[in-house]
Amino acid sequence: MNKVTTALSTIALFFALGTGMTYAEEHASEALKHAQLASQHGKMGHADVLTQHAEAALEHAKASQQAHQARAKHMGEAVTHLNAAIEHGKKGHADVATKHMKQAIEHIKAGNK
């Protein structure tokens, strides 16, 4: 069973990377897959296999949750710097606005990882 799970996970990973799926979405998809497999095995009375898939689902769900939190934090920082850049740009402070734009870009990139 573990070989099948590994093969399915590998295929899902390549599919996710090929479709441009984000890190958080990839983990959410894996969490759902393992949760569904756990449920199916539970209905068949396979408590040990249910537990294995439930543990895998938990790990992926936690990873997805952390990625979403990190993305939200970075995008919040980007918004702060974008607002500051706009404010300074309207005052003609191109140098300060440019520094805020650099920071905003860094946070946007980090939030999209």
PDB file of N, CA and C in Angstrom:
ATOM      1  N   MET A   1       0.815  -1.193   0.000  1.00  0.00           N
ATOM      2  CA  MET A   1       0.000   0.000   0.000  1.00  0.00           C
ATOM      3  C   MET A   1       0.859   1.256   0.000  1.00  0.00           C
ATOM      4  N   ASN A   2       1.977   1.230   0.729  1.00  0.00           N
ATOM      5  CA  ASN A   2       2.837   2.407   0.792  1.00  0.00           C
ATOM      6  C   ASN A   2       3.431   2.750  -0.557  1.00  0.00           C
ATOM      7  N   LYS A   3       3.722   1.744  -1.386  1.00  0.00           N
ATOM      8  CA  LYS A   3       4.256   2.006  -2.722  1.00  0.00           C
ATOM      9  C   LYS A   3       3.218   2.710  -3.580  1.00  0.00           C
ATOM     10  N   VAL A   4       1.968   2.305  -3.435  1.00  0.00           N
ATOM     11  CA  VAL A   4       0.886   2.937  -4.191  1.00  0.00           C
ATOM     12  C   VAL A   4       0.712   4.385  -3.736  1.00  0.00           C
ATOM     13  N   THR A   5       0.734   4.593  -2.437  1.00  0.00           N
ATOM     14  CA  THR A   5       0.593   5.941  -1.892  1.00  0.00           C
ATOM     15  C   THR A   5       1.738   6.834  -2.355  1.00  0.00           C
ATOM     16  N   THR A   6       2.952   6.306  -2.321  1.00  0.00           N
ATOM     17  CA  THR A   6       4.114   7.070  -2.775  1.00  0.00           C
ATOM     18  C   THR A   6       3.994   7.419  -4.245  1.00  0.00           C
ATOM     19  N   ALA A   7       3.576   6.447  -5.044  1.00  0.00           N
ATOM     20  CA  ALA A   7       3.416   6.695  -6.481  1.00  0.00           C
ATOM     21  C   ALA A   7       2.346   7.748  -6.739  1.00  0.00           C
ATOM     22  N   LEU A   8       1.226   7.645  -6.031  1.00  0.00           N
ATOM     23  CA  LEU A   8       0.157   8.629  -6.200  1.00  0.00           C
ATOM     24  C   LEU A   8       0.610  10.016  -5.762  1.00  0.00           C
ATOM     25  N   SER A   9       1.355  10.080  -4.671  1.00  0.00           N
ATOM     26  CA  SER A   9       1.854  11.374  -4.200  1.00  0.00           C
ATOM     27  C   SER A   9       2.815  11.990  -5.203  1.00  0.00           C
ATOM     28  N   THR A  10       3.673  11.169  -5.778  1.00  0.00           N
ATOM     29  CA  THR A  10       4.622  11.660  -6.778  1.00  0.00           C
ATOM     30  C   THR A  10       3.898  12.174  -8.009  1.00  0.00           C
ATOM     31  N   ILE A  11       2.921  11.429  -8.472  1.00  0.00           N
ATOM     32  CA  ILE A  11       2.138  11.857  -9.636  1.00  0.00           C
ATOM     33  C   ILE A  11       1.403  13.155  -9.328  1.00  0.00           C
ATOM     34  N   ALA A  12       0.800  13.239  -8.157  1.00  0.00           N
ATOM     35  CA  ALA A  12       0.081  14.458  -7.765  1.00  0.00           C
ATOM     36  C   ALA A  12       1.028  15.645  -7.690  1.00  0.00           C
ATOM     37  N   LEU A  13       2.238  15.417  -7.184  1.00  0.00           N
ATOM     38  CA  LEU A  13       3.216  16.493  -7.087  1.00  0.00           C
ATOM     39  C   LEU A  13       3.596  17.009  -8.470  1.00  0.00           C
ATOM     40  N   PHE A  14       3.901  16.106  -9.396  1.00  0.00           N
ATOM     41  CA  PHE A  14       4.250  16.539 -10.754  1.00  0.00           C
ATOM     42  C   PHE A  14       3.083  17.241 -11.418  1.00  0.00           C
ATOM     43  N   PHE A  15       1.872  16.745 -11.190  1.00  0.00           N
ATOM     44  CA  PHE A  15       0.694  17.398 -11.755  1.00  0.00           C
ATOM     45  C   PHE A  15       0.539  18.794 -11.169  1.00  0.00           C
ATOM     46  N   ALA A  16       0.714  18.897  -9.866  1.00  0.00           N
ATOM     47  CA  ALA A  16       0.565  20.197  -9.196  1.00  0.00           C
ATOM     48  C   ALA A  16       1.607  21.190  -9.707  1.00  0.00           C
ATOM     49  N   LEU A  17       2.824  20.737  -9.851  1.00  0.00           N
ATOM     50  CA  LEU A  17       3.868  21.633 -10.345  1.00  0.00           C
ATOM     51  C   LEU A  17       3.604  22.043 -11.788  1.00  0.00           C
ATOM     52  N   GLY A  18       3.094  21.129 -12.566  1.00  0.00           N
ATOM     53  CA  GLY A  18       2.813  21.413 -13.968  1.00  0.00           C
ATOM     54  C   GLY A  18       1.649  22.366 -14.165  1.00  0.00           C
ATOM     55  N   THR A  19       0.728  22.427 -13.215  1.00  0.00           N
ATOM     56  CA  THR A  19      -0.430  23.307 -13.345  1.00  0.00           C
ATOM     57  C   THR A  19      -0.220  24.637 -12.646  1.00  0.00           C
ATOM     58  N   GLY A  20       0.954  24.829 -12.077  1.00  0.00           N
ATOM     59  CA  GLY A  20       1.231  26.088 -11.401  1.00  0.00           C
ATOM     60  C   GLY A  20       0.527  26.206 -10.053  1.00  0.00           C
ATOM     61  N   MET A  21       0.206  25.099  -9.459  1.00  0.00           N
ATOM     62  CA  MET A  21      -0.474  25.091  -8.171  1.00  0.00           C
ATOM     63  C   MET A  21       0.474  25.629  -7.102  1.00  0.00           C
ATOM     64  N   THR A  22      -0.032  26.421  -6.209  1.00  0.00           N
ATOM     65  CA  THR A  22       0.807  26.976  -5.159  1.00  0.00           C
ATOM     66  C   THR A  22       1.132  25.923  -4.117  1.00  0.00           C
ATOM     67  N   TYR A  23       2.119  26.235  -3.303  1.00  0.00           N
ATOM     68  CA  TYR A  23       2.551  25.352  -2.218  1.00  0.00           C
ATOM     69  C   TYR A  23       1.371  25.008  -1.310  1.00  0.00           C
ATOM     70  N   ALA A  24       0.605  26.019  -0.924  1.00  0.00           N
ATOM     71  CA  ALA A  24      -0.530  25.800  -0.027  1.00  0.00           C
ATOM     72  C   ALA A  24      -1.605  24.960  -0.697  1.00  0.00           C
ATOM     73  N   GLU A  25      -1.878  25.235  -1.963  1.00  0.00           N
ATOM     74  CA  GLU A  25      -2.889  24.469  -2.692  1.00  0.00           C
ATOM     75  C   GLU A  25      -2.459  23.020  -2.870  1.00  0.00           C
ATOM     76  N   GLU A  26      -1.182  22.838  -3.130  1.00  0.00           N
ATOM     77  CA  GLU A  26      -0.645  21.488  -3.295  1.00  0.00           C
ATOM     78  C   GLU A  26      -0.849  20.687  -2.021  1.00  0.00           C
ATOM     79  N   HIS A  27      -0.525  21.288  -0.883  1.00  0.00           N
ATOM     80  CA  HIS A  27      -0.698  20.582   0.385  1.00  0.00           C
ATOM     81  C   HIS A  27      -2.176  20.370   0.713  1.00  0.00           C
ATOM     82  N   ALA A  28      -3.014  21.321   0.383  1.00  0.00           N
ATOM     83  CA  ALA A  28      -4.454  21.155   0.618  1.00  0.00           C
ATOM     84  C   ALA A  28      -4.986  19.996  -0.211  1.00  0.00           C
ATOM     85  N   SER A  29      -4.527  19.898  -1.446  1.00  0.00           N
ATOM     86  CA  SER A  29      -4.946  18.806  -2.332  1.00  0.00           C
ATOM     87  C   SER A  29      -4.493  17.454  -1.781  1.00  0.00           C
ATOM     88  N   GLU A  30      -3.258  17.404  -1.316  1.00  0.00           N
ATOM     89  CA  GLU A  30      -2.738  16.166  -0.726  1.00  0.00           C
ATOM     90  C   GLU A  30      -3.494  15.811   0.557  1.00  0.00           C
ATOM     91  N   ALA A  31      -3.813  16.805   1.363  1.00  0.00           N
ATOM     92  CA  ALA A  31      -4.567  16.550   2.595  1.00  0.00           C
ATOM     93  C   ALA A  31      -5.924  15.943   2.272  1.00  0.00           C
ATOM     94  N   LEU A  32      -6.596  16.508   1.274  1.00  0.00           N
ATOM     95  CA  LEU A  32      -7.899  15.986   0.873  1.00  0.00           C
ATOM     96  C   LEU A  32      -7.779  14.558   0.366  1.00  0.00           C
ATOM     97  N   LYS A  33      -6.778  14.309  -0.474  1.00  0.00           N
ATOM     98  CA  LYS A  33      -6.590  12.961  -1.027  1.00  0.00           C
ATOM     99  C   LYS A  33      -6.394  11.946   0.087  1.00  0.00           C
ATOM    100  N   HIS A  34      -5.506  12.265   1.034  1.00  0.00           N
ATOM    101  CA  HIS A  34      -5.246  11.316   2.125  1.00  0.00           C
ATOM    102  C   HIS A  34      -6.450  11.168   3.049  1.00  0.00           C
ATOM    103  N   ALA A  35      -7.186  12.226   3.265  1.00  0.00           N
ATOM    104  CA  ALA A  35      -8.389  12.137   4.107  1.00  0.00           C
ATOM    105  C   ALA A  35      -9.437  11.241   3.458  1.00  0.00           C
ATOM    106  N   GLN A  36      -9.593  11.380   2.137  1.00  0.00           N
ATOM    107  CA  GLN A  36     -10.550  10.537   1.421  1.00  0.00           C
ATOM    108  C   GLN A  36     -10.125   9.071   1.459  1.00  0.00           C
ATOM    109  N   LEU A  37      -8.821   8.822   1.280  1.00  0.00           N
ATOM    110  CA  LEU A  37      -8.327   7.451   1.359  1.00  0.00           C
ATOM    111  C   LEU A  37      -8.510   6.886   2.762  1.00  0.00           C
ATOM    112  N   ALA A  38      -8.276   7.705   3.773  1.00  0.00           N
ATOM    113  CA  ALA A  38      -8.471   7.261   5.151  1.00  0.00           C
ATOM    114  C   ALA A  38      -9.930   6.862   5.382  1.00  0.00           C
ATOM    115  N   SER A  39     -10.830   7.676   4.886  1.00  0.00           N
ATOM    116  CA  SER A  39     -12.255   7.391   5.042  1.00  0.00           C
ATOM    117  C   SER A  39     -12.630   6.085   4.345  1.00  0.00           C
ATOM    118  N   GLN A  40     -12.125   5.899   3.144  1.00  0.00           N
ATOM    119  CA  GLN A  40     -12.425   4.670   2.394  1.00  0.00           C
ATOM    120  C   GLN A  40     -11.928   3.440   3.143  1.00  0.00           C
ATOM    121  N   HIS A  41     -10.717   3.519   3.670  1.00  0.00           N
ATOM    122  CA  HIS A  41     -10.171   2.375   4.401  1.00  0.00           C
ATOM    123  C   HIS A  41     -10.890   2.174   5.728  1.00  0.00           C
ATOM    124  N   GLY A  42     -11.358   3.237   6.340  1.00  0.00           N
ATOM    125  CA  GLY A  42     -12.132   3.103   7.563  1.00  0.00           C
ATOM    126  C   GLY A  42     -13.419   2.332   7.327  1.00  0.00           C
ATOM    127  N   LYS A  43     -14.056   2.608   6.190  1.00  0.00           N
ATOM    128  CA  LYS A  43     -15.294   1.892   5.847  1.00  0.00           C
ATOM    129  C   LYS A  43     -15.045   0.409   5.611  1.00  0.00           C
ATOM    130  N   MET A  44     -13.795   0.069   5.248  1.00  0.00           N
ATOM    131  CA  MET A  44     -13.437  -1.332   5.019  1.00  0.00           C
ATOM    132  C   MET A  44     -12.902  -1.988   6.293  1.00  0.00           C
ATOM    133  N   GLY A  45     -12.839  -1.218   7.382  1.00  0.00           N
ATOM    134  CA  GLY A  45     -12.365  -1.763   8.644  1.00  0.00           C
ATOM    135  C   GLY A  45     -10.849  -1.791   8.773  1.00  0.00           C
ATOM    136  N   HIS A  46     -10.147  -1.078   7.922  1.00  0.00           N
ATOM    137  CA  HIS A  46      -8.678  -1.062   7.949  1.00  0.00           C
ATOM    138  C   HIS A  46      -8.185   0.095   8.826  1.00  0.00           C
ATOM    139  N   ALA A  47      -8.259  -0.064  10.123  1.00  0.00           N
ATOM    140  CA  ALA A  47      -7.898   1.011  11.048  1.00  0.00           C
ATOM    141  C   ALA A  47      -6.442   1.439  10.895  1.00  0.00           C
ATOM    142  N   ASP A  48      -5.546   0.476  10.642  1.00  0.00           N
ATOM    143  CA  ASP A  48      -4.124   0.817  10.532  1.00  0.00           C
ATOM    144  C   ASP A  48      -3.847   1.690   9.307  1.00  0.00           C
ATOM    145  N   VAL A  49      -4.472   1.366   8.183  1.00  0.00           N
ATOM    146  CA  VAL A  49      -4.270   2.146   6.959  1.00  0.00           C
ATOM    147  C   VAL A  49      -4.976   3.500   7.092  1.00  0.00           C
ATOM    148  N   LEU A  50      -6.161   3.499   7.724  1.00  0.00           N
ATOM    149  CA  LEU A  50      -6.858   4.756   7.993  1.00  0.00           C
ATOM    150  C   LEU A  50      -5.943   5.694   8.776  1.00  0.00           C
ATOM    151  N   THR A  51      -5.288   5.159   9.807  1.00  0.00           N
ATOM    152  CA  THR A  51      -4.404   5.966  10.645  1.00  0.00           C
ATOM    153  C   THR A  51      -3.245   6.531   9.842  1.00  0.00           C
ATOM    154  N   GLN A  52      -2.645   5.729   8.976  1.00  0.00           N
ATOM    155  CA  GLN A  52      -1.518   6.199   8.156  1.00  0.00           C
ATOM    156  C   GLN A  52      -1.948   7.367   7.263  1.00  0.00           C
ATOM    157  N   HIS A  53      -3.086   7.213   6.606  1.00  0.00           N
ATOM    158  CA  HIS A  53      -3.563   8.276   5.715  1.00  0.00           C
ATOM    159  C   HIS A  53      -4.013   9.509   6.506  1.00  0.00           C
ATOM    160  N   ALA A  54      -4.606   9.288   7.673  1.00  0.00           N
ATOM    161  CA  ALA A  54      -5.026  10.419   8.501  1.00  0.00           C
ATOM    162  C   ALA A  54      -3.811  11.213   8.974  1.00  0.00           C
ATOM    163  N   GLU A  55      -2.726  10.523   9.323  1.00  0.00           N
ATOM    164  CA  GLU A  55      -1.498  11.208   9.737  1.00  0.00           C
ATOM    165  C   GLU A  55      -0.909  12.011   8.571  1.00  0.00           C
ATOM    166  N   ALA A  56      -0.923  11.426   7.372  1.00  0.00           N
ATOM    167  CA  ALA A  56      -0.415  12.141   6.193  1.00  0.00           C
ATOM    168  C   ALA A  56      -1.301  13.356   5.900  1.00  0.00           C
ATOM    169  N   ALA A  57      -2.610  13.185   6.012  1.00  0.00           N
ATOM    170  CA  ALA A  57      -3.537  14.294   5.781  1.00  0.00           C
ATOM    171  C   ALA A  57      -3.283  15.418   6.779  1.00  0.00           C
ATOM    172  N   LEU A  58      -3.038  15.065   8.027  1.00  0.00           N
ATOM    173  CA  LEU A  58      -2.771  16.056   9.064  1.00  0.00           C
ATOM    174  C   LEU A  58      -1.513  16.867   8.742  1.00  0.00           C
ATOM    175  N   GLU A  59      -0.458  16.186   8.346  1.00  0.00           N
ATOM    176  CA  GLU A  59       0.794  16.884   8.012  1.00  0.00           C
ATOM    177  C   GLU A  59       0.597  17.845   6.846  1.00  0.00           C
ATOM    178  N   HIS A  60      -0.107  17.406   5.812  1.00  0.00           N
ATOM    179  CA  HIS A  60      -0.355  18.272   4.657  1.00  0.00           C
ATOM    180  C   HIS A  60      -1.283  19.434   5.025  1.00  0.00           C
ATOM    181  N   ALA A  61      -2.269  19.172   5.856  1.00  0.00           N
ATOM    182  CA  ALA A  61      -3.187  20.233   6.271  1.00  0.00           C
ATOM    183  C   ALA A  61      -2.441  21.298   7.073  1.00  0.00           C
ATOM    184  N   LYS A  62      -1.546  20.875   7.955  1.00  0.00           N
ATOM    185  CA  LYS A  62      -0.748  21.829   8.734  1.00  0.00           C
ATOM    186  C   LYS A  62       0.158  22.657   7.825  1.00  0.00           C
ATOM    187  N   ALA A  63       0.781  22.002   6.835  1.00  0.00           N
ATOM    188  CA  ALA A  63       1.666  22.712   5.906  1.00  0.00           C
ATOM    189  C   ALA A  63       0.884  23.740   5.094  1.00  0.00           C
ATOM    190  N   SER A  64      -0.311  23.373   4.658  1.00  0.00           N
ATOM    191  CA  SER A  64      -1.151  24.300   3.902  1.00  0.00           C
ATOM    192  C   SER A  64      -1.545  25.486   4.765  1.00  0.00           C
ATOM    193  N   GLN A  65      -1.916  25.209   5.999  1.00  0.00           N
ATOM    194  CA  GLN A  65      -2.308  26.271   6.930  1.00  0.00           C
ATOM    195  C   GLN A  65      -1.152  27.240   7.165  1.00  0.00           C
ATOM    196  N   GLN A  66       0.037  26.724   7.370  1.00  0.00           N
ATOM    197  CA  GLN A  66       1.204  27.580   7.602  1.00  0.00           C
ATOM    198  C   GLN A  66       1.517  28.421   6.372  1.00  0.00           C
ATOM    199  N   ALA A  67       1.390  27.831   5.185  1.00  0.00           N
ATOM    200  CA  ALA A  67       1.672  28.568   3.956  1.00  0.00           C
ATOM    201  C   ALA A  67       0.682  29.715   3.783  1.00  0.00           C
ATOM    202  N   HIS A  68      -0.581  29.468   4.096  1.00  0.00           N
ATOM    203  CA  HIS A  68      -1.584  30.530   3.988  1.00  0.00           C
ATOM    204  C   HIS A  68      -1.298  31.663   4.966  1.00  0.00           C
ATOM    205  N   GLN A  69      -0.892  31.319   6.180  1.00  0.00           N
ATOM    206  CA  GLN A  69      -0.579  32.339   7.173  1.00  0.00           C
ATOM    207  C   GLN A  69       0.614  33.174   6.727  1.00  0.00           C
ATOM    208  N   ALA A  70       1.635  32.511   6.189  1.00  0.00           N
ATOM    209  CA  ALA A  70       2.822  33.226   5.718  1.00  0.00           C
ATOM    210  C   ALA A  70       2.464  34.141   4.560  1.00  0.00           C
ATOM    211  N   ARG A  71       1.624  33.640   3.650  1.00  0.00           N
ATOM    212  CA  ARG A  71       1.205  34.450   2.505  1.00  0.00           C
ATOM    213  C   ARG A  71       0.450  35.685   2.991  1.00  0.00           C
ATOM    214  N   ALA A  72      -0.464  35.497   3.917  1.00  0.00           N
ATOM    215  CA  ALA A  72      -1.260  36.620   4.426  1.00  0.00           C
ATOM    216  C   ALA A  72      -0.359  37.657   5.090  1.00  0.00           C
ATOM    217  N   LYS A  73       0.630  37.200   5.845  1.00  0.00           N
ATOM    218  CA  LYS A  73       1.543  38.128   6.521  1.00  0.00           C
ATOM    219  C   LYS A  73       2.332  38.932   5.486  1.00  0.00           C
ATOM    220  N   HIS A  74       2.871  38.246   4.496  1.00  0.00           N
ATOM    221  CA  HIS A  74       3.663  38.939   3.478  1.00  0.00           C
ATOM    222  C   HIS A  74       2.811  39.909   2.661  1.00  0.00           C
ATOM    223  N   MET A  75       1.603  39.518   2.309  1.00  0.00           N
ATOM    224  CA  MET A  75       0.755  40.413   1.529  1.00  0.00           C
ATOM    225  C   MET A  75       0.335  41.624   2.361  1.00  0.00           C
ATOM    226  N   GLY A  76       0.157  41.427   3.656  1.00  0.00           N
ATOM    227  CA  GLY A  76      -0.140  42.562   4.538  1.00  0.00           C
ATOM    228  C   GLY A  76       1.015  43.548   4.569  1.00  0.00           C
ATOM    229  N   GLU A  77       2.222  43.034   4.632  1.00  0.00           N
ATOM    230  CA  GLU A  77       3.410  43.895   4.596  1.00  0.00           C
ATOM    231  C   GLU A  77       3.518  44.603   3.244  1.00  0.00           C
ATOM    232  N   ALA A  78       3.202  43.885   2.171  1.00  0.00           N
ATOM    233  CA  ALA A  78       3.251  44.494   0.834  1.00  0.00           C
ATOM    234  C   ALA A  78       2.269  45.654   0.741  1.00  0.00           C
ATOM    235  N   VAL A  79       1.074  45.476   1.264  1.00  0.00           N
ATOM    236  CA  VAL A  79       0.061  46.539   1.240  1.00  0.00           C
ATOM    237  C   VAL A  79       0.567  47.759   2.008  1.00  0.00           C
ATOM    238  N   THR A  80       1.180  47.537   3.148  1.00  0.00           N
ATOM    239  CA  THR A  80       1.727  48.644   3.937  1.00  0.00           C
ATOM    240  C   THR A  80       2.755  49.429   3.117  1.00  0.00           C
ATOM    241  N   HIS A  81       3.661  48.720   2.473  1.00  0.00           N
ATOM    242  CA  HIS A  81       4.700  49.389   1.683  1.00  0.00           C
ATOM    243  C   HIS A  81       4.127  50.040   0.420  1.00  0.00           C
ATOM    244  N   LEU A  82       3.128  49.421  -0.184  1.00  0.00           N
ATOM    245  CA  LEU A  82       2.500  50.029  -1.357  1.00  0.00           C
ATOM    246  C   LEU A  82       1.806  51.338  -0.981  1.00  0.00           C
ATOM    247  N   ASN A  83       1.097  51.333   0.134  1.00  0.00           N
ATOM    248  CA  ASN A  83       0.449  52.572   0.607  1.00  0.00           C
ATOM    249  C   ASN A  83       1.479  53.661   0.879  1.00  0.00           C
ATOM    250  N   ALA A  84       2.590  53.267   1.504  1.00  0.00           N
ATOM    251  CA  ALA A  84       3.646  54.243   1.792  1.00  0.00           C
ATOM    252  C   ALA A  84       4.259  54.771   0.496  1.00  0.00           C
ATOM    253  N   ALA A  85       4.457  53.898  -0.477  1.00  0.00           N
ATOM    254  CA  ALA A  85       5.022  54.320  -1.764  1.00  0.00           C
ATOM    255  C   ALA A  85       4.093  55.308  -2.460  1.00  0.00           C
ATOM    256  N   ILE A  86       2.809  55.033  -2.422  1.00  0.00           N
ATOM    257  CA  ILE A  86       1.826  55.943  -3.028  1.00  0.00           C
ATOM    258  C   ILE A  86       1.849  57.296  -2.328  1.00  0.00           C
ATOM    259  N   GLU A  87       1.852  57.251  -1.010  1.00  0.00           N
ATOM    260  CA  GLU A  87       1.870  58.490  -0.220  1.00  0.00           C
ATOM    261  C   GLU A  87       3.108  59.333  -0.561  1.00  0.00           C
ATOM    262  N   HIS A  88       4.264  58.695  -0.570  1.00  0.00           N
ATOM    263  CA  HIS A  88       5.496  59.433  -0.871  1.00  0.00           C
ATOM    264  C   HIS A  88       5.565  59.842  -2.343  1.00  0.00           C
ATOM    265  N   GLY A  89       5.024  59.012  -3.220  1.00  0.00           N
ATOM    266  CA  GLY A  89       5.001  59.359  -4.641  1.00  0.00           C
ATOM    267  C   GLY A  89       4.175  60.609  -4.895  1.00  0.00           C
ATOM    268  N   LYS A  90       3.048  60.723  -4.208  1.00  0.00           N
ATOM    269  CA  LYS A  90       2.192  61.910  -4.359  1.00  0.00           C
ATOM    270  C   LYS A  90       2.873  63.176  -3.839  1.00  0.00           C
ATOM    271  N   LYS A  91       3.800  63.003  -2.919  1.00  0.00           N
ATOM    272  CA  LYS A  91       4.538  64.145  -2.368  1.00  0.00           C
ATOM    273  C   LYS A  91       5.789  64.454  -3.183  1.00  0.00           C
ATOM    274  N   GLY A  92       6.047  63.639  -4.223  1.00  0.00           N
ATOM    275  CA  GLY A  92       7.225  63.861  -5.057  1.00  0.00           C
ATOM    276  C   GLY A  92       8.498  63.258  -4.496  1.00  0.00           C
ATOM    277  N   HIS A  93       8.378  62.390  -3.515  1.00  0.00           N
ATOM    278  CA  HIS A  93       9.545  61.755  -2.889  1.00  0.00           C
ATOM    279  C   HIS A  93       9.843  60.428  -3.593  1.00  0.00           C
ATOM    280  N   ALA A  94      10.347  60.511  -4.797  1.00  0.00           N
ATOM    281  CA  ALA A  94      10.590  59.307  -5.599  1.00  0.00           C
ATOM    282  C   ALA A  94      11.567  58.353  -4.933  1.00  0.00           C
ATOM    283  N   ASP A  95      12.581  58.867  -4.278  1.00  0.00           N
ATOM    284  CA  ASP A  95      13.584  58.003  -3.657  1.00  0.00           C
ATOM    285  C   ASP A  95      12.977  57.158  -2.529  1.00  0.00           C
ATOM    286  N   VAL A  96      12.198  57.786  -1.677  1.00  0.00           N
ATOM    287  CA  VAL A  96      11.567  57.063  -0.566  1.00  0.00           C
ATOM    288  C   VAL A  96      10.503  56.103  -1.107  1.00  0.00           C
ATOM    289  N   ALA A  97       9.726  56.558  -2.085  1.00  0.00           N
ATOM    290  CA  ALA A  97       8.691  55.711  -2.691  1.00  0.00           C
ATOM    291  C   ALA A  97       9.321  54.479  -3.325  1.00  0.00           C
ATOM    292  N   THR A  98      10.457  54.656  -3.962  1.00  0.00           N
ATOM    293  CA  THR A  98      11.152  53.539  -4.606  1.00  0.00           C
ATOM    294  C   THR A  98      11.616  52.519  -3.570  1.00  0.00           C
ATOM    295  N   LYS A  99      12.085  52.977  -2.427  1.00  0.00           N
ATOM    296  CA  LYS A  99      12.495  52.057  -1.355  1.00  0.00           C
ATOM    297  C   LYS A  99      11.303  51.240  -0.869  1.00  0.00           C
ATOM    298  N   HIS A 100      10.156  51.885  -0.736  1.00  0.00           N
ATOM    299  CA  HIS A 100       8.951  51.154  -0.309  1.00  0.00           C
ATOM    300  C   HIS A 100       8.509  50.167  -1.383  1.00  0.00           C
ATOM    301  N   MET A 101       8.663  50.539  -2.642  1.00  0.00           N
ATOM    302  CA  MET A 101       8.295  49.624  -3.722  1.00  0.00           C
ATOM    303  C   MET A 101       9.186  48.390  -3.710  1.00  0.00           C
ATOM    304  N   LYS A 102      10.473  48.592  -3.439  1.00  0.00           N
ATOM    305  CA  LYS A 102      11.395  47.453  -3.356  1.00  0.00           C
ATOM    306  C   LYS A 102      10.943  46.496  -2.259  1.00  0.00           C
ATOM    307  N   GLN A 103      10.579  47.047  -1.106  1.00  0.00           N
ATOM    308  CA  GLN A 103      10.098  46.215   0.002  1.00  0.00           C
ATOM    309  C   GLN A 103       8.797  45.503  -0.368  1.00  0.00           C
ATOM    310  N   ALA A 104       7.897  46.223  -1.028  1.00  0.00           N
ATOM    311  CA  ALA A 104       6.622  45.626  -1.434  1.00  0.00           C
ATOM    312  C   ALA A 104       6.857  44.461  -2.383  1.00  0.00           C
ATOM    313  N   ILE A 105       7.746  44.644  -3.335  1.00  0.00           N
ATOM    314  CA  ILE A 105       8.053  43.581  -4.301  1.00  0.00           C
ATOM    315  C   ILE A 105       8.604  42.348  -3.587  1.00  0.00           C
ATOM    316  N   GLU A 106       9.497  42.558  -2.644  1.00  0.00           N
ATOM    317  CA  GLU A 106      10.061  41.431  -1.910  1.00  0.00           C
ATOM    318  C   GLU A 106       8.972  40.659  -1.154  1.00  0.00           C
ATOM    319  N   HIS A 107       8.041  41.374  -0.543  1.00  0.00           N
ATOM    320  CA  HIS A 107       6.973  40.696   0.204  1.00  0.00           C
ATOM    321  C   HIS A 107       5.982  40.014  -0.739  1.00  0.00           C
ATOM    322  N   ILE A 108       5.698  40.613  -1.862  1.00  0.00           N
ATOM    323  CA  ILE A 108       4.795  39.972  -2.828  1.00  0.00           C
ATOM    324  C   ILE A 108       5.414  38.669  -3.328  1.00  0.00           C
ATOM    325  N   LYS A 109       6.690  38.718  -3.662  1.00  0.00           N
ATOM    326  CA  LYS A 109       7.378  37.495  -4.116  1.00  0.00           C
ATOM    327  C   LYS A 109       7.379  36.428  -3.034  1.00  0.00           C
ATOM    328  N   ALA A 110       7.671  36.833  -1.807  1.00  0.00           N
ATOM    329  CA  ALA A 110       7.700  35.875  -0.696  1.00  0.00           C
ATOM    330  C   ALA A 110       6.316  35.282  -0.450  1.00  0.00           C
ATOM    331  N   GLY A 111       5.284  36.089  -0.625  1.00  0.00           N
ATOM    332  CA  GLY A 111       3.920  35.615  -0.430  1.00  0.00           C
ATOM    333  C   GLY A 111       3.443  34.682  -1.516  1.00  0.00           C
ATOM    334  N   ASN A 112       4.102  34.714  -2.650  1.00  0.00           N
ATOM    335  CA  ASN A 112       3.717  33.850  -3.768  1.00  0.00           C
ATOM    336  C   ASN A 112       4.523  32.570  -3.845  1.00  0.00           C
ATOM    337  N   LYS A 113       5.388  32.342  -2.873  1.00  0.00           N
ATOM    338  CA  LYS A 113       6.183  31.103  -2.866  1.00  0.00           C
ATOM    339  C   LYS A 113       5.398  29.982  -2.262  1.00  0.00           C
TER     340      LYS A 113
END
